[in-house]
Amino acid sequence: MNQIRILNFVLLPFLVIGHAHASIQQAFLVQNSGWMEPFYVDSRSQFKPLITAVIDAVTTAEETFTLSTFNQSTAGNESPLVVFSGNRSPQFSAAVDRIGLARKGGGKALADTDFREAVIKTVTGAFQGKPGIIWIFTNNKNSPNNSVETAARNREFYELLHLEPSIVRTLAFPLSMPVKGTAYQANGLMVYALAYGNDSDGHLQSLVRADRFRKILTDTPARLKPLDRDSVRLVPKNVVNAPNTRANLAQDGLTLLLDIDVSSRQPVVEILASFENQFFPYTIENATVSAQIIGKSSSEMLTVTPNAIKKVAPNKEADVNISLPISINVPSVWSPEVLLDMGRSFRIPAVIEVTLADQRLAVDSSFRDRLASIFPGDPLPDVFVPPAMIKSSTASIPMIIRVNYPLYPLLILMFFGLLLLMGALLAMAAVKSEKRYQIVVNGQARSITLKAFGKANIFLSDGKELVGIVKRGLGRPKVEAVSKGHTLSVGR
């Protein structure tokens, strides 16, 4: 544990500086100590083609990276040693081909190995303390100063990968590759991927999910870290006691979609589902389960039955029943925001947060057997045991509640809108049209035309003397004024 504390002191100050940089750099460390002798001398070895293929899969043609060999620094022998810095070019392929076994101080003795030194110097050197991804190609034998206590040295390296806070994700890819050298033979090797700094975590996850990478390393990576989050995936099976409610997974395979018909939504939706263990290669031996739904401005505990899961192998499922209260503020069917989206659905984002308490993990037996075949006689399976201090984990499962609204409110509004439009058009036509009316001026009949809300001045036949004024609203006109000595009326 002293080594871990020293590592924190060395790496964390650099990481603070590195957070300001958005680009994610990558470094590739290739072990070339004495333990790696068969991978370099066996003519059947696919070690170097593997290195080239992985680098091709995780970098772009324009991206720069560093390629280094590592063993253990001694007088006259530097480790790690940068053998190439640039992008994928003929010079890069040639640099891979030139990698050979390192020797102590230029002598005949093959170099020893120090993983911790290689990681620290890469972070403080090539990375300059900025976030990045470190790939390590190794036979997993850590033996500083040719120590015979390889089990203890391996455990120190794994403690670094598990417990160092600045290394936020650690993935391991055990590979079968039988090789035989002059001094040693091996059945396989390990490729590690370390995300240094929070900014590099998402980039590493996207790289290993990409088709380019999965064509090279086809097996699911072993996740050594983190073991306190992303523990399970929620897989809905059916919805009970709510016939007009449906639950499905979105195309990303993670987001829960809950469709609810607003006219018949239930106060509580019962979802038959399962928790899928995402902790490969660990079996969840035992854990107490709790969950809550978190909305925009509220949260509410969920009832999970049973409230404990046991013996769930990696990528296998444990059936559960989740009571999901729909106590959300659903907009009225007459609200403008809903009417504009009528006939489709109103989307309400939320998160279901699952907590596994009293969590106990164990290396899956099939994975242990596979490691034993690749690294026979090595204590590797034992050091895969997760740290005892990690006793709980969380999983944040994105959720979208889609409230489906009927079409009838929109149809009703459209009907009344049409009526209003027709009335407006008729009113406009009535206002603009002229009508002919009969009037009687001093006992003599005449006819005039008037628009709605119009008026007319009535004169004697000579056109000089005003008899009176006739005014019209929407209906028949009326006499508004009559000059003295004259009569004026509107005929029937």
Protein backbone atom coordinates (compact mmCIF):
# COMPACT_ATOMS: atom_id res chain seq x y z
CA MET A 1 0.00 0.00 0.00
CA ASN A 2 2.95 2.37 0.47
CA GLN A 3 3.57 2.19 -3.25
CA ILE A 4 0.00 3.24 -3.97
CA ARG A 5 0.31 6.30 -1.75
CA ILE A 6 3.55 7.26 -3.48
CA LEU A 7 1.86 6.89 -6.85
CA ASN A 8 -0.98 9.21 -5.81
CA PHE A 9 1.56 11.83 -4.82
CA VAL A 10 3.28 11.53 -8.17
CA LEU A 11 0.30 11.40 -10.54
CA LEU A 12 -2.55 13.44 -9.09
CA PRO A 13 -0.86 16.87 -9.29
CA PHE A 14 -0.19 16.28 -12.98
CA LEU A 15 -3.78 15.21 -13.58
CA VAL A 16 -5.13 18.53 -12.31
CA ILE A 17 -3.08 20.31 -14.95
CA GLY A 18 -4.22 17.87 -17.63
CA HIS A 19 -7.96 18.45 -17.16
CA ALA A 20 -7.85 21.63 -19.20
CA HIS A 21 -6.90 19.74 -22.36
CA ALA A 22 -9.67 18.18 -24.44
CA SER A 23 -7.63 15.95 -26.78
CA ILE A 24 -6.99 12.38 -25.69
CA GLN A 25 -3.48 11.10 -26.32
CA GLN A 26 -2.43 7.45 -26.45
CA ALA A 27 0.73 5.59 -25.54
CA PHE A 28 1.62 1.97 -26.31
CA LEU A 29 3.99 0.12 -23.96
CA VAL A 30 5.59 -3.07 -25.23
CA GLN A 31 7.36 -5.29 -22.69
CA ASN A 32 10.79 -6.45 -23.88
CA SER A 33 12.34 -7.85 -20.70
CA GLY A 34 13.77 -11.35 -20.39
CA TRP A 35 10.39 -12.90 -19.54
CA MET A 36 9.24 -11.98 -23.05
CA GLU A 37 12.01 -13.93 -24.79
CA PRO A 38 9.76 -16.53 -26.54
CA PHE A 39 7.53 -13.84 -28.06
CA TYR A 40 10.56 -12.37 -29.84
CA VAL A 41 12.52 -15.47 -30.87
CA ASP A 42 9.76 -17.89 -31.90
CA SER A 43 9.28 -17.63 -35.68
CA ARG A 44 5.55 -18.40 -35.25
CA SER A 45 5.02 -15.50 -32.86
CA GLN A 46 2.23 -13.10 -33.77
CA PHE A 47 3.26 -10.64 -31.07
CA LYS A 48 4.44 -7.81 -33.31
CA PRO A 49 1.57 -8.16 -35.82
CA LEU A 50 -0.79 -7.93 -32.83
CA ILE A 51 0.81 -4.65 -31.70
CA THR A 52 0.46 -3.16 -35.17
CA ALA A 53 -3.15 -4.33 -35.54
CA VAL A 54 -4.24 -2.88 -32.20
CA ILE A 55 -2.61 0.48 -32.91
CA ASP A 56 -4.23 0.56 -36.36
CA ALA A 57 -7.63 -0.17 -34.74
CA VAL A 58 -7.55 2.53 -32.06
CA THR A 59 -5.87 5.44 -33.84
CA THR A 60 -6.76 7.51 -36.85
CA ALA A 61 -4.37 8.14 -39.73
CA GLU A 62 -3.78 11.73 -38.51
CA GLU A 63 -3.54 10.97 -34.78
CA THR A 64 -0.11 11.09 -33.15
CA PHE A 65 0.90 8.59 -30.47
CA THR A 66 3.98 7.23 -28.75
CA LEU A 67 5.31 3.69 -28.92
CA SER A 68 7.68 2.66 -26.12
CA THR A 69 9.41 -0.45 -24.92
CA PHE A 70 9.61 -1.14 -21.17
CA ASN A 71 11.47 -3.43 -18.84
CA GLN A 72 13.36 -1.99 -15.84
CA SER A 73 15.74 0.95 -15.82
CA THR A 74 19.37 0.22 -14.96
CA ALA A 75 22.62 1.99 -15.70
CA GLY A 76 22.83 2.16 -19.48
CA ASN A 77 19.28 0.88 -19.97
CA GLU A 78 16.35 3.32 -20.00
CA SER A 79 12.77 2.19 -19.38
CA PRO A 80 10.35 3.03 -20.80
CA LEU A 81 12.14 3.97 -24.00
CA VAL A 82 10.22 5.84 -26.73
CA VAL A 83 10.99 4.14 -30.05
CA PHE A 84 8.45 6.04 -32.14
CA SER A 85 6.35 9.20 -31.89
CA GLY A 86 4.05 10.22 -34.73
CA ASN A 87 1.13 8.86 -36.72
CA ARG A 88 0.61 5.61 -38.60
CA SER A 89 3.33 5.64 -41.24
CA PRO A 90 5.95 3.31 -42.70
CA GLN A 91 8.31 4.56 -39.99
CA PHE A 92 5.87 3.28 -37.34
CA SER A 93 5.77 -0.24 -38.80
CA ALA A 94 9.54 -0.28 -39.02
CA ALA A 95 9.82 0.80 -35.39
CA VAL A 96 7.65 -2.15 -34.32
CA ASP A 97 9.79 -4.54 -36.34
CA ARG A 98 12.99 -3.23 -34.71
CA ILE A 99 11.84 -3.91 -31.13
CA GLY A 100 14.04 -6.55 -29.50
CA LEU A 101 14.90 -7.89 -26.08
CA ALA A 102 16.57 -5.45 -23.68
CA ARG A 103 19.65 -6.24 -21.64
CA LYS A 104 20.98 -4.88 -18.38
CA GLY A 105 23.51 -2.12 -18.90
CA GLY A 106 24.42 -3.32 -22.36
CA GLY A 107 25.61 -6.71 -21.06
CA LYS A 108 24.39 -10.20 -21.84
CA ALA A 109 21.86 -10.55 -19.01
CA LEU A 110 18.29 -9.90 -20.10
CA ALA A 111 16.49 -6.99 -18.41
CA ASP A 112 14.05 -7.39 -15.54
CA THR A 113 10.56 -5.86 -15.39
CA ASP A 114 8.92 -3.04 -13.47
CA PHE A 115 5.33 -2.27 -14.52
CA ARG A 116 4.86 0.51 -11.97
CA GLU A 117 7.90 2.39 -13.27
CA ALA A 118 6.62 2.11 -16.86
CA VAL A 119 3.18 3.52 -16.01
CA ILE A 120 4.44 6.40 -13.86
CA LYS A 121 7.08 7.51 -16.36
CA THR A 122 4.59 7.38 -19.24
CA VAL A 123 2.17 9.64 -17.37
CA THR A 124 4.79 12.12 -16.20
CA GLY A 125 6.87 11.89 -19.37
CA ALA A 126 5.09 11.20 -22.67
CA PHE A 127 1.71 12.41 -21.34
CA GLN A 128 3.08 15.39 -19.42
CA GLY A 129 0.39 14.69 -16.83
CA LYS A 130 -2.48 15.19 -19.29
CA PRO A 131 -5.32 12.66 -19.68
CA GLY A 132 -4.62 9.76 -21.99
CA ILE A 133 -4.93 6.05 -22.67
CA ILE A 134 -2.06 3.64 -21.97
CA TRP A 135 -1.99 0.28 -23.76
CA ILE A 136 0.34 -2.39 -22.32
CA PHE A 137 1.42 -5.55 -24.15
CA THR A 138 2.87 -8.01 -21.62
CA ASN A 139 3.16 -11.62 -20.54
CA ASN A 140 2.09 -10.36 -17.10
CA LYS A 141 5.30 -11.21 -15.27
CA ASN A 142 6.47 -8.37 -13.06
CA SER A 143 9.89 -9.04 -11.57
CA PRO A 144 11.88 -5.96 -10.52
CA ASN A 145 15.53 -6.85 -9.83
CA ASN A 146 14.78 -10.41 -10.97
CA SER A 147 12.77 -11.01 -7.80
CA VAL A 148 11.49 -14.55 -7.36
CA GLU A 149 8.42 -13.12 -5.62
CA THR A 150 6.55 -12.68 -8.88
CA ALA A 151 3.19 -13.23 -7.14
CA ALA A 152 3.78 -10.28 -4.81
CA ARG A 153 5.06 -8.10 -7.65
CA ASN A 154 2.02 -8.98 -9.77
CA ARG A 155 -0.23 -8.08 -6.85
CA GLU A 156 1.46 -4.68 -6.51
CA PHE A 157 0.77 -3.98 -10.16
CA TYR A 158 -2.87 -4.97 -9.83
CA GLU A 159 -3.27 -2.84 -6.72
CA LEU A 160 -2.01 0.07 -8.80
CA LEU A 161 -4.60 -0.64 -11.48
CA HIS A 162 -7.43 -1.17 -8.95
CA LEU A 163 -6.72 1.55 -6.40
CA GLU A 164 -4.92 4.45 -8.08
CA PRO A 165 -7.62 7.21 -8.25
CA SER A 166 -6.23 8.87 -11.37
CA ILE A 167 -6.57 5.62 -13.35
CA VAL A 168 -10.33 5.67 -13.80
CA ARG A 169 -10.80 2.57 -15.95
CA THR A 170 -8.70 -0.57 -16.38
CA LEU A 171 -9.50 -3.22 -18.99
CA ALA A 172 -7.64 -6.47 -19.58
CA PHE A 173 -7.63 -8.71 -22.66
CA PRO A 174 -6.10 -12.18 -22.05
CA LEU A 175 -4.97 -13.71 -25.35
CA SER A 176 -3.87 -17.19 -26.25
CA MET A 177 -0.55 -17.20 -28.16
CA PRO A 178 1.63 -20.32 -27.64
CA VAL A 179 5.32 -19.51 -28.18
CA LYS A 180 8.57 -21.25 -27.31
CA GLY A 181 11.97 -19.66 -26.93
CA THR A 182 15.44 -20.74 -25.94
CA ALA A 183 14.98 -20.04 -22.23
CA TYR A 184 11.22 -19.81 -21.70
CA GLN A 185 7.91 -20.74 -23.23
CA ALA A 186 4.45 -19.17 -22.84
CA ASN A 187 0.86 -19.91 -23.74
CA GLY A 188 -0.31 -16.34 -24.10
CA LEU A 189 -0.13 -12.73 -23.06
CA MET A 190 -2.22 -9.87 -21.75
CA VAL A 191 -3.18 -6.53 -23.31
CA TYR A 192 -4.16 -3.84 -20.80
CA ALA A 193 -5.92 -0.55 -21.50
CA LEU A 194 -5.67 2.15 -18.81
CA ALA A 195 -7.73 5.36 -18.91
CA TYR A 196 -5.73 8.01 -17.07
CA GLY A 197 -7.95 10.95 -16.11
CA ASN A 198 -11.74 11.24 -16.30
CA ASP A 199 -11.62 12.79 -19.77
CA SER A 200 -10.15 9.61 -21.25
CA ASP A 201 -12.74 7.17 -19.88
CA GLY A 202 -15.47 7.73 -22.46
CA HIS A 203 -12.95 7.69 -25.30
CA LEU A 204 -11.57 4.32 -24.19
CA GLN A 205 -15.07 2.83 -23.96
CA SER A 206 -15.95 4.00 -27.46
CA LEU A 207 -12.68 2.57 -28.84
CA VAL A 208 -13.23 -0.94 -27.47
CA ARG A 209 -16.86 -0.97 -28.66
CA ALA A 210 -15.93 -0.03 -32.23
CA ASP A 211 -16.10 -2.68 -34.94
CA ARG A 212 -12.48 -2.00 -35.99
CA PHE A 213 -11.25 -2.99 -32.53
CA ARG A 214 -13.63 -5.93 -32.03
CA LYS A 215 -12.28 -7.53 -35.19
CA ILE A 216 -8.83 -7.65 -33.55
CA LEU A 217 -9.70 -8.49 -29.93
CA THR A 218 -13.00 -10.30 -30.19
CA ASP A 219 -13.54 -11.30 -26.55
CA THR A 220 -15.27 -9.16 -23.93
CA PRO A 221 -12.63 -7.20 -22.01
CA ALA A 222 -12.17 -7.97 -18.33
CA ARG A 223 -13.06 -4.86 -16.35
CA LEU A 224 -10.70 -4.53 -13.41
CA LYS A 225 -11.92 -1.01 -12.70
CA PRO A 226 -14.33 0.62 -12.00
CA LEU A 227 -16.20 -1.89 -9.83
CA ASP A 228 -18.28 0.70 -8.01
CA ARG A 229 -20.45 1.85 -10.92
CA ASP A 230 -22.12 0.61 -14.12
CA SER A 231 -22.89 -2.62 -12.30
CA VAL A 232 -26.08 -3.76 -14.00
CA ARG A 233 -28.24 -3.17 -17.05
CA LEU A 234 -32.04 -3.11 -16.69
CA VAL A 235 -33.80 -5.34 -19.21
CA PRO A 236 -37.63 -4.96 -19.23
CA LYS A 237 -39.69 -8.10 -19.89
CA ASN A 238 -43.33 -7.17 -19.40
CA VAL A 239 -45.70 -4.67 -17.77
CA VAL A 240 -48.48 -5.92 -15.48
CA ASN A 241 -51.57 -4.20 -14.01
CA ALA A 242 -51.30 -1.45 -16.63
CA PRO A 243 -52.67 -2.72 -19.98
CA ASN A 244 -52.04 0.56 -21.77
CA THR A 245 -48.42 0.87 -20.66
CA ARG A 246 -45.45 -0.63 -22.51
CA ALA A 247 -41.77 -0.93 -21.58
CA ASN A 248 -38.87 -1.44 -24.02
CA LEU A 249 -35.19 -0.73 -24.47
CA ALA A 250 -34.02 1.97 -26.84
CA GLN A 251 -31.65 1.21 -29.70
CA ASP A 252 -28.64 1.94 -27.48
CA GLY A 253 -29.55 -1.13 -25.39
CA LEU A 254 -29.38 0.92 -22.18
CA THR A 255 -32.18 3.51 -22.12
CA LEU A 256 -35.53 2.32 -20.75
CA LEU A 257 -38.53 3.55 -22.76
CA LEU A 258 -41.85 3.63 -20.90
CA ASP A 259 -44.89 4.40 -23.07
CA ILE A 260 -48.01 5.50 -21.19
CA ASP A 261 -51.40 6.38 -22.66
CA VAL A 262 -52.44 9.54 -20.85
CA SER A 263 -56.12 8.64 -20.81
CA SER A 264 -55.57 5.48 -18.78
CA ARG A 265 -52.25 5.82 -16.98
CA GLN A 266 -51.88 3.99 -13.68
CA PRO A 267 -50.51 5.54 -10.48
CA VAL A 268 -48.06 2.61 -10.22
CA VAL A 269 -46.64 0.56 -13.08
CA GLU A 270 -45.37 -2.94 -12.31
CA ILE A 271 -42.44 -3.87 -14.57
CA LEU A 272 -41.23 -7.43 -14.80
CA ALA A 273 -37.57 -7.06 -15.66
CA SER A 274 -34.10 -8.37 -14.97
CA PHE A 275 -30.76 -6.97 -13.88
CA GLU A 276 -27.98 -8.06 -16.23
CA ASN A 277 -24.55 -8.32 -14.61
CA GLN A 278 -22.15 -5.95 -16.38
CA PHE A 279 -19.16 -6.79 -14.16
CA PHE A 280 -17.33 -9.15 -16.53
CA PRO A 281 -15.43 -11.26 -15.45
CA TYR A 282 -16.99 -11.15 -11.97
CA THR A 283 -19.96 -13.05 -10.62
CA ILE A 284 -22.18 -11.06 -8.26
CA GLU A 285 -22.15 -13.52 -5.39
CA ASN A 286 -24.47 -11.42 -3.28
CA ALA A 287 -25.87 -7.87 -3.17
CA THR A 288 -28.80 -6.00 -1.67
CA VAL A 289 -30.70 -4.02 -4.30
CA SER A 290 -32.39 -0.65 -3.99
CA ALA A 291 -33.47 1.81 -6.64
CA GLN A 292 -34.90 5.26 -7.11
CA ILE A 293 -36.25 7.27 -9.99
CA ILE A 294 -34.79 10.76 -10.38
CA GLY A 295 -36.66 13.36 -12.40
CA LYS A 296 -35.98 16.96 -13.27
CA SER A 297 -36.88 18.29 -9.83
CA SER A 298 -37.81 15.28 -7.72
CA SER A 299 -36.83 11.75 -6.78
CA GLU A 300 -38.77 8.79 -5.44
CA MET A 301 -37.75 5.39 -4.10
CA LEU A 302 -38.84 2.32 -6.05
CA THR A 303 -39.89 -1.04 -4.69
CA VAL A 304 -37.69 -3.86 -6.02
CA THR A 305 -38.71 -7.48 -5.40
CA PRO A 306 -36.72 -9.45 -4.44
CA ASN A 307 -34.42 -6.90 -2.84
CA ALA A 308 -31.33 -9.11 -3.13
CA ILE A 309 -29.60 -10.91 -5.98
CA LYS A 310 -27.26 -13.90 -5.69
CA LYS A 311 -24.96 -15.92 -7.92
CA VAL A 312 -25.41 -13.81 -11.05
CA ALA A 313 -22.67 -14.71 -13.52
CA PRO A 314 -21.26 -12.03 -15.85
CA ASN A 315 -23.67 -11.09 -18.65
CA LYS A 316 -26.38 -13.25 -17.01
CA GLU A 317 -29.64 -11.94 -15.56
CA ALA A 318 -31.55 -11.96 -12.27
CA ASP A 319 -35.34 -11.50 -12.53
CA VAL A 320 -36.91 -8.69 -10.50
CA ASN A 321 -40.23 -6.88 -10.17
CA ILE A 322 -40.07 -3.08 -10.03
CA SER A 323 -42.96 -0.93 -8.82
CA LEU A 324 -42.65 2.35 -10.66
CA PRO A 325 -44.89 5.19 -9.44
CA ILE A 326 -45.88 7.60 -12.18
CA SER A 327 -46.23 10.62 -9.93
CA ILE A 328 -45.09 13.11 -12.51
CA ASN A 329 -46.64 16.37 -13.62
CA VAL A 330 -48.10 15.41 -16.97
CA PRO A 331 -49.18 18.43 -19.06
CA SER A 332 -52.90 18.78 -19.78
CA VAL A 333 -54.17 17.55 -23.13
CA TRP A 334 -55.24 21.17 -23.78
CA SER A 335 -51.84 22.74 -23.05
CA PRO A 336 -50.15 24.42 -26.06
CA GLU A 337 -46.95 22.36 -25.73
CA VAL A 338 -48.94 19.13 -25.97
CA LEU A 339 -51.34 20.29 -28.70
CA LEU A 340 -48.38 21.16 -30.91
CA ASP A 341 -47.13 17.57 -30.54
CA MET A 342 -50.56 15.90 -30.50
CA GLY A 343 -50.87 12.40 -31.87
CA ARG A 344 -47.28 11.59 -30.95
CA SER A 345 -45.83 11.61 -27.42
CA PHE A 346 -44.68 13.99 -24.76
CA ARG A 347 -41.18 12.95 -23.59
CA ILE A 348 -40.17 13.19 -19.95
CA PRO A 349 -36.50 12.26 -19.22
CA ALA A 350 -35.60 10.58 -15.95
CA VAL A 351 -32.94 8.28 -14.47
CA ILE A 352 -33.35 5.04 -12.54
CA GLU A 353 -30.44 4.76 -10.13
CA VAL A 354 -29.77 1.22 -8.91
CA THR A 355 -27.58 0.65 -5.86
CA LEU A 356 -25.97 -2.69 -4.95
CA ALA A 357 -25.11 -2.64 -1.24
CA ASP A 358 -23.11 -5.29 0.63
CA GLN A 359 -21.74 -6.20 -2.76
CA ARG A 360 -19.56 -9.30 -2.98
CA LEU A 361 -17.86 -10.19 -6.25
CA ALA A 362 -15.84 -13.24 -7.27
CA VAL A 363 -13.89 -14.12 -10.41
CA ASP A 364 -16.13 -16.22 -12.64
CA SER A 365 -15.00 -19.84 -12.72
CA SER A 366 -14.91 -20.08 -16.53
CA PHE A 367 -12.73 -16.97 -16.74
CA ARG A 368 -10.45 -18.36 -14.01
CA ASP A 369 -10.07 -21.59 -16.00
CA ARG A 370 -9.24 -19.62 -19.13
CA LEU A 371 -6.56 -17.63 -17.35
CA ALA A 372 -5.10 -20.81 -15.89
CA SER A 373 -4.71 -22.23 -19.41
CA ILE A 374 -3.01 -19.08 -20.72
CA PHE A 375 -0.82 -18.47 -17.65
CA PRO A 376 -0.26 -21.95 -16.15
CA GLY A 377 1.24 -21.91 -12.68
CA ASP A 378 0.88 -18.12 -12.31
CA PRO A 379 -1.06 -16.60 -9.42
CA LEU A 380 -2.97 -14.40 -11.86
CA PRO A 381 -6.53 -15.54 -11.00
CA ASP A 382 -6.00 -14.67 -7.33
CA VAL A 383 -4.90 -11.11 -8.05
CA PHE A 384 -8.03 -10.54 -10.12
CA VAL A 385 -9.98 -10.58 -6.87
CA PRO A 386 -11.56 -7.10 -6.46
CA PRO A 387 -10.42 -4.88 -3.59
CA ALA A 388 -12.19 -5.64 -0.32
CA MET A 389 -12.91 -1.94 0.21
CA ILE A 390 -15.34 -1.85 -2.71
CA LYS A 391 -18.57 -3.00 -1.08
CA SER A 392 -21.18 -1.17 -3.13
CA SER A 393 -21.85 0.07 -6.63
CA THR A 394 -24.35 2.12 -8.57
CA ALA A 395 -25.80 2.04 -12.03
CA SER A 396 -27.53 5.04 -13.58
CA ILE A 397 -30.04 3.82 -16.14
CA PRO A 398 -31.41 6.56 -18.43
CA MET A 399 -35.17 6.47 -18.84
CA ILE A 400 -37.63 8.29 -21.09
CA ILE A 401 -41.32 8.34 -20.17
CA ARG A 402 -43.29 8.88 -23.36
CA VAL A 403 -46.82 10.05 -22.53
CA ASN A 404 -48.99 9.30 -25.55
CA TYR A 405 -51.87 11.71 -26.14
CA PRO A 406 -55.04 11.01 -28.17
CA LEU A 407 -55.97 12.91 -31.30
CA TYR A 408 -59.49 14.00 -30.29
CA PRO A 409 -58.50 17.28 -28.53
CA LEU A 410 -56.70 18.37 -31.66
CA LEU A 411 -59.66 17.37 -33.84
CA ILE A 412 -62.05 19.31 -31.60
CA LEU A 413 -59.84 22.38 -31.75
CA MET A 414 -59.54 22.04 -35.50
CA PHE A 415 -63.37 21.83 -35.80
CA PHE A 416 -63.95 24.95 -33.73
CA GLY A 417 -61.15 26.71 -35.49
CA LEU A 418 -62.78 25.92 -38.81
CA LEU A 419 -66.09 27.30 -37.55
CA LEU A 420 -64.41 30.49 -36.42
CA LEU A 421 -62.66 30.83 -39.72
CA MET A 422 -65.90 30.38 -41.64
CA GLY A 423 -67.66 32.92 -39.41
CA ALA A 424 -64.85 35.40 -39.92
CA LEU A 425 -65.01 34.95 -43.68
CA LEU A 426 -68.78 35.42 -43.70
CA ALA A 427 -68.45 38.51 -41.53
CA MET A 428 -65.84 39.96 -43.85
CA ALA A 429 -68.06 39.27 -46.84
CA ALA A 430 -71.01 40.88 -45.11
CA VAL A 431 -68.98 43.97 -44.25
CA LYS A 432 -67.72 44.43 -47.78
CA SER A 433 -71.00 43.74 -49.64
CA GLU A 434 -73.51 46.52 -50.60
CA LYS A 435 -77.31 46.28 -50.29
CA ARG A 436 -80.07 48.34 -51.92
CA TYR A 437 -82.75 49.86 -49.72
CA GLN A 438 -85.93 51.89 -50.33
CA ILE A 439 -86.24 55.28 -48.66
CA VAL A 440 -89.01 57.90 -48.74
CA VAL A 441 -87.91 61.54 -49.11
CA ASN A 442 -90.65 64.12 -48.56
CA GLY A 443 -93.21 61.51 -49.62
CA GLN A 444 -91.33 60.39 -52.74
CA ALA A 445 -89.75 56.92 -52.98
CA ARG A 446 -86.09 56.48 -53.82
CA SER A 447 -83.46 53.69 -53.60
CA ILE A 448 -79.94 53.82 -52.16
CA THR A 449 -77.08 51.31 -51.66
CA LEU A 450 -75.18 51.00 -48.38
CA LYS A 451 -72.33 48.83 -47.05
CA ALA A 452 -72.39 47.54 -43.51
CA PHE A 453 -71.54 50.33 -41.07
CA GLY A 454 -71.85 52.85 -43.90
CA LYS A 455 -73.87 56.11 -44.02
CA ALA A 456 -75.38 58.26 -46.76
CA ASN A 457 -76.31 61.97 -46.94
CA ILE A 458 -79.72 62.40 -48.60
CA PHE A 459 -80.29 65.58 -50.70
CA LEU A 460 -83.17 67.01 -52.61
CA SER A 461 -83.34 66.17 -56.25
CA ASP A 462 -81.37 69.29 -57.13
CA GLY A 463 -78.56 68.00 -54.99
CA LYS A 464 -78.16 71.23 -53.05
CA GLU A 465 -80.25 70.97 -49.88
CA LEU A 466 -79.58 68.27 -47.30
CA VAL A 467 -82.68 66.34 -46.28
CA GLY A 468 -81.09 64.00 -43.72
CA ILE A 469 -78.64 61.18 -42.99
CA VAL A 470 -79.23 57.40 -43.20
CA LYS A 471 -76.81 55.02 -41.37
CA ARG A 472 -76.50 51.23 -41.51
CA GLY A 473 -75.03 48.71 -39.09
CA LEU A 474 -75.13 44.97 -39.95
CA GLY A 475 -78.91 45.06 -40.44
CA ARG A 476 -81.33 47.50 -42.03
CA PRO A 477 -80.35 51.17 -42.15
CA LYS A 478 -81.90 53.78 -39.86
CA VAL A 479 -82.49 57.50 -40.14
CA GLU A 480 -79.82 59.24 -38.11
CA ALA A 481 -80.84 62.89 -38.73
CA VAL A 482 -83.55 64.91 -40.62
CA SER A 483 -83.33 68.59 -41.59
CA LYS A 484 -86.08 70.96 -40.50
CA GLY A 485 -89.02 71.12 -42.89
CA HIS A 486 -88.32 67.72 -44.46
CA THR A 487 -89.40 64.11 -43.91
CA LEU A 488 -87.20 61.00 -44.32
CA SER A 489 -87.91 57.34 -43.65
CA VAL A 490 -86.61 53.90 -44.62
CA GLY A 491 -89.04 51.74 -46.49
CA ARG A 492 -89.94 48.20 -45.57
